[in-house]
N, C-alpha and C. Protein backbone atom coordinates (compact mmCIF):
# COMPACT_ATOMS: atom_id res chain seq x y z
N MET A 1 122.01 94.81 173.87
CA MET A 1 121.18 94.77 175.04
C MET A 1 121.75 95.77 176.06
N ILE A 2 120.88 96.37 176.87
CA ILE A 2 121.30 97.34 177.88
C ILE A 2 121.43 96.65 179.22
N ALA A 3 122.56 96.89 179.89
CA ALA A 3 122.81 96.25 181.19
C ALA A 3 121.98 96.90 182.28
N ASP A 4 121.38 96.08 183.13
CA ASP A 4 120.60 96.60 184.25
C ASP A 4 121.42 96.58 185.54
N ARG A 5 122.68 96.14 185.46
CA ARG A 5 123.60 96.08 186.59
C ARG A 5 125.02 95.95 186.05
N ARG A 6 125.99 96.09 186.89
CA ARG A 6 127.38 95.88 186.49
C ARG A 6 127.65 94.40 186.35
N LEU A 7 128.35 94.03 185.31
CA LEU A 7 128.76 92.65 185.10
C LEU A 7 130.27 92.62 184.98
N TYR A 8 130.86 91.59 185.54
CA TYR A 8 132.31 91.44 185.56
C TYR A 8 132.74 90.12 184.93
N LEU A 9 133.94 90.12 184.38
CA LEU A 9 134.57 88.90 183.91
C LEU A 9 135.39 88.32 185.06
N THR A 10 135.49 87.01 185.11
CA THR A 10 136.36 86.37 186.09
C THR A 10 137.83 86.54 185.62
N ALA A 11 138.78 86.18 186.45
CA ALA A 11 140.20 86.36 186.13
C ALA A 11 140.60 85.61 184.87
N ASP A 12 139.97 84.47 184.60
CA ASP A 12 140.30 83.70 183.39
C ASP A 12 139.55 84.22 182.16
N ARG A 13 138.71 85.22 182.38
CA ARG A 13 137.92 85.88 181.31
C ARG A 13 137.02 84.91 180.56
N LYS A 14 136.50 83.90 181.26
CA LYS A 14 135.64 82.90 180.62
C LYS A 14 134.21 82.92 181.13
N THR A 15 133.95 83.68 182.21
CA THR A 15 132.63 83.68 182.82
C THR A 15 132.25 85.09 183.25
N LEU A 16 130.95 85.43 183.10
CA LEU A 16 130.43 86.70 183.60
C LEU A 16 129.81 86.47 184.97
N VAL A 17 130.05 87.40 185.88
CA VAL A 17 129.46 87.36 187.22
C VAL A 17 128.96 88.74 187.58
N GLU A 18 128.11 88.81 188.60
CA GLU A 18 127.56 90.08 189.05
C GLU A 18 128.54 90.80 189.96
N GLU A 19 128.28 92.09 190.16
CA GLU A 19 129.07 92.88 191.08
C GLU A 19 128.94 92.29 192.48
N GLY A 20 130.03 92.23 193.19
CA GLY A 20 130.03 91.67 194.54
C GLY A 20 130.46 90.22 194.58
N ASP A 21 130.51 89.56 193.45
CA ASP A 21 130.96 88.17 193.40
C ASP A 21 132.47 88.16 193.68
N PRO A 22 132.95 87.28 194.57
CA PRO A 22 134.37 87.28 194.88
C PRO A 22 135.27 86.92 193.71
N SER A 23 134.73 86.28 192.69
CA SER A 23 135.55 85.93 191.54
C SER A 23 135.60 87.01 190.48
N ALA A 24 134.89 88.13 190.70
CA ALA A 24 134.88 89.24 189.72
C ALA A 24 136.25 89.86 189.64
N ALA A 25 136.77 90.04 188.40
CA ALA A 25 138.11 90.60 188.23
C ALA A 25 138.14 91.79 187.28
N PHE A 26 137.41 91.74 186.17
CA PHE A 26 137.45 92.81 185.17
C PHE A 26 136.03 93.27 184.85
N LEU A 27 135.83 94.58 184.80
CA LEU A 27 134.52 95.12 184.46
C LEU A 27 134.20 94.79 183.00
N PHE A 28 133.06 94.16 182.78
CA PHE A 28 132.61 93.83 181.43
C PHE A 28 131.68 94.91 180.90
N VAL A 29 130.71 95.32 181.72
CA VAL A 29 129.78 96.38 181.32
C VAL A 29 129.22 97.04 182.57
N LYS A 30 129.01 98.36 182.50
CA LYS A 30 128.42 99.05 183.64
C LYS A 30 126.92 99.26 183.37
N LYS A 31 126.19 99.54 184.42
CA LYS A 31 124.74 99.72 184.32
C LYS A 31 124.41 100.82 183.32
N GLY A 32 123.49 100.52 182.41
CA GLY A 32 123.04 101.48 181.42
C GLY A 32 123.78 101.43 180.10
N ASP A 33 124.88 100.69 180.04
CA ASP A 33 125.64 100.56 178.79
C ASP A 33 125.15 99.38 177.97
N TYR A 34 125.42 99.44 176.68
CA TYR A 34 125.06 98.34 175.78
C TYR A 34 126.12 97.26 175.83
N TYR A 35 125.67 96.02 175.66
CA TYR A 35 126.61 94.91 175.52
C TYR A 35 126.04 93.91 174.53
N ASP A 36 126.93 93.11 173.95
CA ASP A 36 126.54 92.11 172.96
C ASP A 36 125.93 90.91 173.67
N GLU A 37 124.66 90.67 173.39
CA GLU A 37 123.93 89.59 174.05
C GLU A 37 124.53 88.21 173.72
N ASP A 38 124.98 88.04 172.49
CA ASP A 38 125.59 86.75 172.11
C ASP A 38 126.89 86.51 172.87
N GLU A 39 127.68 87.58 173.03
CA GLU A 39 128.93 87.45 173.79
C GLU A 39 128.63 87.10 175.24
N ALA A 40 127.62 87.75 175.82
CA ALA A 40 127.24 87.48 177.21
C ALA A 40 126.77 86.02 177.35
N LYS A 41 125.99 85.53 176.41
CA LYS A 41 125.53 84.14 176.47
C LYS A 41 126.70 83.17 176.38
N ARG A 42 127.67 83.49 175.53
CA ARG A 42 128.86 82.67 175.39
C ARG A 42 129.64 82.60 176.70
N LEU A 43 129.57 83.70 177.46
CA LEU A 43 130.25 83.77 178.75
C LEU A 43 129.39 83.29 179.91
N GLY A 44 128.23 82.70 179.61
CA GLY A 44 127.39 82.12 180.64
C GLY A 44 126.41 83.06 181.30
N TRP A 45 126.06 84.14 180.62
CA TRP A 45 125.06 85.05 181.19
C TRP A 45 123.78 84.97 180.40
N PRO A 46 122.63 84.93 180.96
CA PRO A 46 122.37 84.94 182.41
C PRO A 46 122.61 83.58 183.00
N PRO A 47 122.93 83.55 184.30
CA PRO A 47 123.18 82.26 184.97
C PRO A 47 121.89 81.45 185.01
N ALA A 48 122.03 80.16 185.30
CA ALA A 48 120.85 79.29 185.37
C ALA A 48 119.86 79.89 186.35
N ALA A 49 118.61 79.92 185.96
CA ALA A 49 117.57 80.53 186.80
C ALA A 49 117.40 79.72 188.09
N ALA A 50 117.18 80.43 189.16
CA ALA A 50 116.95 79.77 190.45
C ALA A 50 115.60 79.06 190.40
N ALA A 51 115.51 78.00 191.15
CA ALA A 51 114.26 77.24 191.21
C ALA A 51 113.17 78.13 191.78
N PRO A 52 112.00 78.12 191.18
CA PRO A 52 110.92 78.96 191.69
C PRO A 52 110.52 78.50 193.10
N THR A 53 110.17 79.48 193.89
CA THR A 53 109.77 79.16 195.25
C THR A 53 108.36 78.59 195.26
N THR A 54 108.14 77.62 196.10
CA THR A 54 106.82 77.01 196.19
C THR A 54 106.19 77.28 197.55
N GLU A 55 106.81 78.20 198.31
CA GLU A 55 106.28 78.51 199.61
C GLU A 55 105.00 79.33 199.46
N LEU A 56 103.96 78.91 200.15
CA LEU A 56 102.69 79.62 200.11
C LEU A 56 102.64 80.60 201.28
N ILE A 57 102.03 81.74 201.02
CA ILE A 57 101.93 82.77 202.04
C ILE A 57 100.49 82.80 202.53
N ASP A 58 100.33 82.78 203.83
CA ASP A 58 98.99 82.86 204.42
C ASP A 58 98.59 84.34 204.45
N MET A 59 97.69 84.73 203.59
CA MET A 59 97.29 86.12 203.46
C MET A 59 96.56 86.63 204.71
N ASP A 60 95.90 85.74 205.45
CA ASP A 60 95.24 86.16 206.69
C ASP A 60 96.26 86.69 207.68
N GLU A 61 97.42 86.02 207.79
CA GLU A 61 98.47 86.48 208.70
C GLU A 61 99.03 87.82 208.25
N VAL A 62 99.20 87.97 206.95
CA VAL A 62 99.72 89.23 206.42
C VAL A 62 98.76 90.37 206.72
N LEU A 63 97.48 90.14 206.51
CA LEU A 63 96.48 91.19 206.77
C LEU A 63 96.41 91.53 208.26
N LYS A 64 96.55 90.53 209.12
CA LYS A 64 96.52 90.79 210.56
C LYS A 64 97.70 91.69 210.96
N LYS A 65 98.86 91.41 210.40
CA LYS A 65 100.04 92.22 210.71
C LYS A 65 99.85 93.66 210.24
N LEU A 66 99.21 93.82 209.08
CA LEU A 66 98.99 95.16 208.56
C LEU A 66 97.97 95.94 209.37
N GLU A 67 97.03 95.24 209.96
CA GLU A 67 95.98 95.90 210.74
C GLU A 67 96.44 96.25 212.15
N GLU A 68 97.49 95.60 212.64
CA GLU A 68 97.99 95.90 213.98
C GLU A 68 98.46 97.34 214.05
N GLU A 69 98.42 97.89 215.25
CA GLU A 69 98.85 99.28 215.44
C GLU A 69 100.36 99.37 215.22
N PRO A 70 100.82 100.45 214.59
CA PRO A 70 102.25 100.63 214.39
C PRO A 70 102.94 100.90 215.72
N GLU A 71 104.21 100.63 215.78
CA GLU A 71 104.98 100.90 216.99
C GLU A 71 104.99 102.40 217.26
N ALA A 72 104.98 102.75 218.49
CA ALA A 72 104.90 104.16 218.88
C ALA A 72 106.28 104.77 219.10
N LYS A 73 107.24 104.45 218.26
CA LYS A 73 108.60 104.97 218.43
C LYS A 73 108.65 106.49 218.24
N ALA A 74 108.05 106.97 217.18
CA ALA A 74 108.15 108.39 216.85
C ALA A 74 106.96 109.18 217.39
N LEU A 75 106.02 108.53 218.01
CA LEU A 75 104.84 109.21 218.50
C LEU A 75 105.07 109.62 219.96
N HIS A 76 105.38 110.87 220.17
CA HIS A 76 105.56 111.37 221.53
C HIS A 76 105.11 112.81 221.56
N GLU A 77 104.88 113.30 222.74
CA GLU A 77 104.44 114.67 222.91
C GLU A 77 105.62 115.60 222.93
N PRO A 78 105.47 116.83 222.47
CA PRO A 78 106.58 117.77 222.52
C PRO A 78 106.89 118.14 223.99
N PRO A 79 108.11 118.57 224.29
CA PRO A 79 108.46 118.92 225.67
C PRO A 79 107.62 120.09 226.16
N GLU A 80 107.33 120.09 227.47
CA GLU A 80 106.47 121.13 228.03
C GLU A 80 107.24 122.39 228.36
N THR A 81 108.52 122.28 228.73
CA THR A 81 109.30 123.45 229.10
C THR A 81 110.54 123.57 228.22
N LYS A 82 111.16 124.75 228.25
CA LYS A 82 112.37 124.97 227.46
C LYS A 82 113.51 124.10 227.96
N ALA A 83 113.55 123.83 229.25
CA ALA A 83 114.62 123.02 229.82
C ALA A 83 114.56 121.60 229.27
N GLU A 84 113.37 121.10 228.98
CA GLU A 84 113.23 119.75 228.44
C GLU A 84 113.63 119.68 226.97
N ARG A 85 113.59 120.84 226.28
CA ARG A 85 113.93 120.86 224.86
C ARG A 85 115.42 120.70 224.62
N GLY A 86 116.24 121.13 225.58
CA GLY A 86 117.67 121.02 225.41
C GLY A 86 118.25 122.34 224.92
N PRO A 87 119.58 122.39 224.71
CA PRO A 87 120.23 123.65 224.31
C PRO A 87 119.85 124.06 222.89
N ARG A 88 119.98 125.36 222.64
CA ARG A 88 119.70 125.88 221.30
C ARG A 88 120.76 125.38 220.34
N LEU A 89 120.37 125.13 219.12
CA LEU A 89 121.30 124.66 218.11
C LEU A 89 122.04 125.80 217.44
N VAL A 90 121.47 127.01 217.47
CA VAL A 90 122.08 128.17 216.81
C VAL A 90 122.49 129.17 217.87
N LYS A 91 123.75 129.56 217.86
CA LYS A 91 124.22 130.56 218.82
C LYS A 91 124.11 131.94 218.18
N ARG A 92 123.67 132.86 218.98
CA ARG A 92 123.55 134.24 218.48
C ARG A 92 124.86 134.98 218.69
N ARG A 93 125.16 135.87 217.74
CA ARG A 93 126.35 136.68 217.83
C ARG A 93 126.12 137.82 218.81
N LYS A 94 127.08 138.04 219.70
CA LYS A 94 126.97 139.13 220.66
C LYS A 94 127.38 140.43 220.00
N ASP A 95 126.59 141.48 220.19
CA ASP A 95 126.92 142.78 219.66
C ASP A 95 127.85 143.52 220.62
N GLY A 96 128.91 144.14 220.08
CA GLY A 96 129.75 145.03 220.80
C GLY A 96 130.73 144.43 221.61
């Protein structure tokens, strides 16, 4: 099987955990490498699946948020004068 993420062995080498887990001690497989699926199952991979979420989403609220006008953070007019633009970023070399 091909790994879709890094998997690590714990210090006792009896359990597989994901990258970032505080108990991770030894690299078992890196992303994109092959690993033995039976060995991974013996080491407890994949972990028990999380309970499916039963939260319902109100699509009317989602659509209202999408229809609202975006924030005007990046929408501004260019400066009217050179003084408002600020200093030049590129300095010219003086001749002579």
